[in-house]
Amino acid sequence: MNKRRGRPAGGGSSAEAIRAAARRLFVARGYRGTTLRAVAAECSVDVAAVSYHFGSKSGLFAAAMALPMAPSALLRGVLDQRPERVGPVLVAAVVEAWERPEVRAAMVTMLGQATSEPEVARALAAYLEQELVAPLVEYLRGHGAGQHARERAAGLIALAGGTLLTRYVLEVPTLAGLDVEELVRAMTVPATAVLDGGVRRR
């Protein structure tokens, strides 16, 4: 939620109407094709009410898809780090988030919807591309990765997604049996290797 003064009329009912409208539009038009103004028009509220309740398009998507946190916000915090710290900090932040039962349950539900509903899958893919992959590519390119920035970003996203699937969805015993510290150590090794190939040390 942003810090606008005053509260738009409608309160909680307005927020619920906006969330429902946003989900319909994200599914129908995709992430790129949905704007805050379009959502506002869909449920007949001022666009300021959308911004008040959900802040940004990324925050609105997370709320519309019932995610307890916006993954893009987590990434922005990670990219505030020095280049050599990005791998370990990213791993620790991702694991900490996934270990929260409400986050894990929401992500598993979202993956289930994405596998059975192509429209949801397309919206989620576009969201991840714009809000996760693109900022990571930009960061890596700005720290020496050059033309290899996209493949380095792909490696990190694949590592995170593979861990989510094998530990928290499929519960493969070798991964599911690790405690949090062991999991962080196991993920930090490949994450650091990916970044060592594309991040300029300072």
Protein backbone atom coordinates (compact mmCIF):
# COMPACT_ATOMS: atom_id res chain seq x y z
CA MET A 1 0.00 0.00 0.00
CA ASN A 2 1.29 3.44 -0.80
CA LYS A 3 1.25 6.51 1.42
CA ARG A 4 -1.46 8.63 -0.18
CA ARG A 5 -3.39 10.80 2.26
CA GLY A 6 -6.97 9.86 2.89
CA ARG A 7 -8.80 6.66 2.16
CA PRO A 8 -10.78 6.08 -1.02
CA ALA A 9 -14.48 5.50 -0.59
CA GLY A 10 -15.50 1.88 -0.48
CA GLY A 11 -12.86 0.55 1.90
CA GLY A 12 -12.45 -3.19 1.95
CA SER A 13 -15.26 -3.81 -0.55
CA SER A 14 -13.48 -1.55 -3.05
CA ALA A 15 -10.23 -3.47 -2.60
CA GLU A 16 -11.99 -6.80 -3.15
CA ALA A 17 -13.71 -5.51 -6.29
CA ILE A 18 -10.39 -4.24 -7.64
CA ARG A 19 -8.67 -7.54 -6.87
CA ALA A 20 -11.38 -9.55 -8.63
CA ALA A 21 -11.35 -7.25 -11.66
CA ALA A 22 -7.57 -7.38 -11.84
CA ARG A 23 -7.53 -11.18 -11.86
CA ARG A 24 -10.07 -11.26 -14.69
CA LEU A 25 -8.02 -8.84 -16.77
CA PHE A 26 -4.64 -10.42 -16.04
CA VAL A 27 -6.01 -13.79 -17.13
CA ALA A 28 -7.78 -12.39 -20.19
CA ARG A 29 -5.18 -9.86 -21.39
CA GLY A 30 -1.96 -11.05 -19.78
CA TYR A 31 0.39 -9.10 -17.56
CA ARG A 32 1.68 -6.68 -20.18
CA GLY A 33 -1.78 -6.02 -21.59
CA THR A 34 -3.32 -5.05 -18.26
CA THR A 35 -2.94 -1.53 -16.87
CA LEU A 36 -4.03 0.06 -13.60
CA ARG A 37 -6.40 2.30 -15.55
CA ALA A 38 -7.99 -0.69 -17.25
CA VAL A 39 -8.54 -2.38 -13.89
CA ALA A 40 -10.05 0.80 -12.48
CA ALA A 41 -12.41 1.08 -15.44
CA GLU A 42 -13.37 -2.59 -15.13
CA CYS A 43 -14.72 -2.08 -11.60
CA SER A 44 -15.77 1.57 -11.96
CA VAL A 45 -13.37 3.15 -9.49
CA ASP A 46 -10.81 5.92 -9.80
CA VAL A 47 -7.30 4.75 -10.69
CA ALA A 48 -6.12 6.45 -7.48
CA ALA A 49 -8.06 3.80 -5.53
CA VAL A 50 -6.13 1.03 -7.27
CA SER A 51 -2.82 2.69 -6.42
CA TYR A 52 -3.94 3.34 -2.85
CA HIS A 53 -4.82 -0.28 -2.14
CA PHE A 54 -2.10 -2.06 -4.11
CA GLY A 55 0.61 0.48 -4.89
CA SER A 56 2.02 -0.84 -8.15
CA LYS A 57 1.06 -3.14 -10.99
CA SER A 58 3.36 -5.78 -9.52
CA GLY A 59 1.66 -5.48 -6.13
CA LEU A 60 -1.75 -5.69 -7.76
CA PHE A 61 -0.77 -8.85 -9.64
CA ALA A 62 0.45 -10.49 -6.43
CA ALA A 63 -2.83 -9.63 -4.70
CA ALA A 64 -4.98 -10.69 -7.66
CA MET A 65 -3.22 -14.05 -7.84
CA ALA A 66 -3.41 -14.48 -4.04
CA LEU A 67 0.34 -14.38 -3.50
CA PRO A 68 1.22 -13.35 0.06
CA MET A 69 4.21 -11.38 -1.22
CA ALA A 70 5.37 -9.86 -4.49
CA PRO A 71 8.46 -11.79 -5.65
CA SER A 72 9.68 -8.67 -7.46
CA ALA A 73 9.90 -6.80 -4.15
CA LEU A 74 12.17 -9.52 -2.78
CA LEU A 75 14.44 -9.22 -5.81
CA ARG A 76 14.70 -5.45 -5.55
CA GLY A 77 16.02 -5.82 -2.01
CA VAL A 78 18.59 -8.35 -3.17
CA LEU A 79 19.87 -6.13 -5.97
CA ASP A 80 20.71 -3.41 -3.47
CA GLN A 81 23.64 -5.61 -2.44
CA ARG A 82 27.22 -5.47 -3.69
CA PRO A 83 27.76 -7.83 -6.66
CA GLU A 84 29.71 -10.40 -4.66
CA ARG A 85 26.88 -10.63 -2.13
CA VAL A 86 24.01 -11.07 -4.57
CA GLY A 87 24.22 -14.88 -4.80
CA PRO A 88 24.24 -15.65 -1.05
CA VAL A 89 21.68 -12.94 -0.23
CA LEU A 90 19.33 -14.04 -3.01
CA VAL A 91 19.48 -17.65 -1.88
CA ALA A 92 18.86 -16.76 1.76
CA ALA A 93 15.94 -14.46 0.89
CA VAL A 94 14.29 -17.02 -1.41
CA VAL A 95 14.60 -19.86 1.09
CA GLU A 96 13.35 -17.67 3.95
CA ALA A 97 10.28 -16.76 1.89
CA TRP A 98 9.54 -20.33 0.80
CA GLU A 99 9.86 -21.64 4.32
CA ARG A 100 6.86 -19.50 5.32
CA PRO A 101 3.85 -21.86 5.10
CA GLU A 102 1.53 -19.22 3.63
CA VAL A 103 4.03 -18.34 0.89
CA ARG A 104 4.71 -21.98 0.07
CA ALA A 105 1.00 -22.84 -0.07
CA ALA A 106 0.24 -19.87 -2.31
CA MET A 107 3.08 -20.69 -4.70
CA VAL A 108 2.07 -24.36 -4.93
CA THR A 109 -1.52 -23.30 -5.64
CA MET A 110 -0.36 -20.85 -8.30
CA LEU A 111 1.78 -23.51 -10.00
CA GLY A 112 -1.18 -25.86 -10.01
CA GLN A 113 -3.36 -23.23 -11.66
CA ALA A 114 -0.66 -22.44 -14.19
CA THR A 115 -0.37 -26.08 -15.26
CA SER A 116 -4.12 -26.46 -15.77
CA GLU A 117 -5.04 -22.98 -17.07
CA PRO A 118 -2.95 -21.73 -20.02
CA GLU A 119 -4.15 -18.14 -19.53
CA VAL A 120 -2.85 -18.11 -15.95
CA ALA A 121 0.44 -19.63 -17.12
CA ARG A 122 0.89 -16.91 -19.74
CA ALA A 123 0.11 -14.13 -17.25
CA LEU A 124 2.51 -15.58 -14.69
CA ALA A 125 5.27 -16.06 -17.28
CA ALA A 126 4.95 -12.46 -18.47
CA TYR A 127 4.99 -11.21 -14.87
CA LEU A 128 8.15 -13.17 -14.05
CA GLU A 129 9.83 -12.01 -17.26
CA GLN A 130 9.11 -8.34 -16.62
CA GLU A 131 9.41 -8.12 -12.85
CA LEU A 132 12.11 -10.70 -12.10
CA VAL A 133 14.15 -11.58 -15.17
CA ALA A 134 14.42 -8.10 -16.70
CA PRO A 135 15.69 -6.34 -13.53
CA LEU A 136 18.16 -9.15 -12.91
CA VAL A 137 19.44 -8.96 -16.49
CA GLU A 138 19.82 -5.19 -16.18
CA TYR A 139 21.75 -5.56 -12.92
CA LEU A 140 24.11 -8.19 -14.32
CA ARG A 141 24.67 -6.22 -17.50
CA GLY A 142 25.55 -3.20 -15.40
CA HIS A 143 28.14 -5.21 -13.46
CA GLY A 144 30.14 -6.67 -16.32
CA ALA A 145 28.06 -9.55 -17.67
CA GLY A 146 27.51 -7.82 -21.02
CA GLN A 147 26.01 -10.13 -23.63
CA HIS A 148 25.96 -12.98 -21.10
CA ALA A 149 23.60 -11.19 -18.69
CA ARG A 150 20.46 -12.93 -19.89
CA GLU A 151 21.91 -16.44 -19.67
CA ARG A 152 23.23 -15.70 -16.15
CA ALA A 153 19.81 -14.48 -15.09
CA ALA A 154 18.24 -17.58 -16.63
CA GLY A 155 20.59 -19.75 -14.60
CA LEU A 156 19.59 -18.11 -11.32
CA ILE A 157 15.86 -18.24 -12.09
CA ALA A 158 16.16 -21.90 -13.13
CA LEU A 159 17.99 -22.71 -9.89
CA ALA A 160 15.29 -21.04 -7.81
CA GLY A 161 12.45 -22.61 -9.78
CA GLY A 162 14.01 -26.06 -9.67
CA THR A 163 14.42 -25.86 -5.92
CA LEU A 164 10.83 -24.72 -5.49
CA LEU A 165 9.60 -27.67 -7.54
CA THR A 166 11.80 -30.42 -6.08
CA ARG A 167 11.72 -29.43 -2.39
CA TYR A 168 8.33 -27.81 -1.90
CA VAL A 169 6.09 -29.30 -4.57
CA LEU A 170 7.40 -32.80 -5.29
CA GLU A 171 9.14 -33.06 -1.89
CA VAL A 172 12.04 -35.12 -3.25
CA PRO A 173 13.48 -36.69 -0.06
CA THR A 174 17.09 -35.61 -0.56
CA LEU A 175 16.07 -31.95 -0.82
CA ALA A 176 13.04 -32.04 1.48
CA GLY A 177 15.20 -33.62 4.20
CA LEU A 178 17.70 -30.75 4.33
CA ASP A 179 17.36 -28.22 7.11
CA VAL A 180 17.28 -24.55 6.13
CA GLU A 181 20.99 -23.92 6.69
CA GLU A 182 21.93 -26.99 4.63
CA LEU A 183 19.61 -25.91 1.83
CA VAL A 184 21.04 -22.39 1.76
CA ARG A 185 24.58 -23.78 1.56
CA ALA A 186 23.61 -26.20 -1.20
CA MET A 187 21.97 -23.46 -3.29
CA THR A 188 24.66 -20.86 -2.67
CA VAL A 189 27.33 -22.93 -4.45
CA PRO A 190 25.63 -23.00 -7.90
CA ALA A 191 24.21 -19.48 -7.49
CA THR A 192 27.67 -18.10 -6.84
CA ALA A 193 29.08 -20.09 -9.76
CA VAL A 194 26.51 -18.53 -12.09
CA LEU A 195 27.33 -15.02 -10.89
CA ASP A 196 31.07 -15.59 -10.99
CA GLY A 197 30.70 -16.10 -14.71
CA GLY A 198 28.93 -12.82 -15.33
CA VAL A 199 29.43 -10.32 -12.51
CA ARG A 200 32.44 -8.06 -12.41
CA ARG A 201 34.14 -8.13 -9.01
CA ARG A 202 34.81 -4.73 -7.47
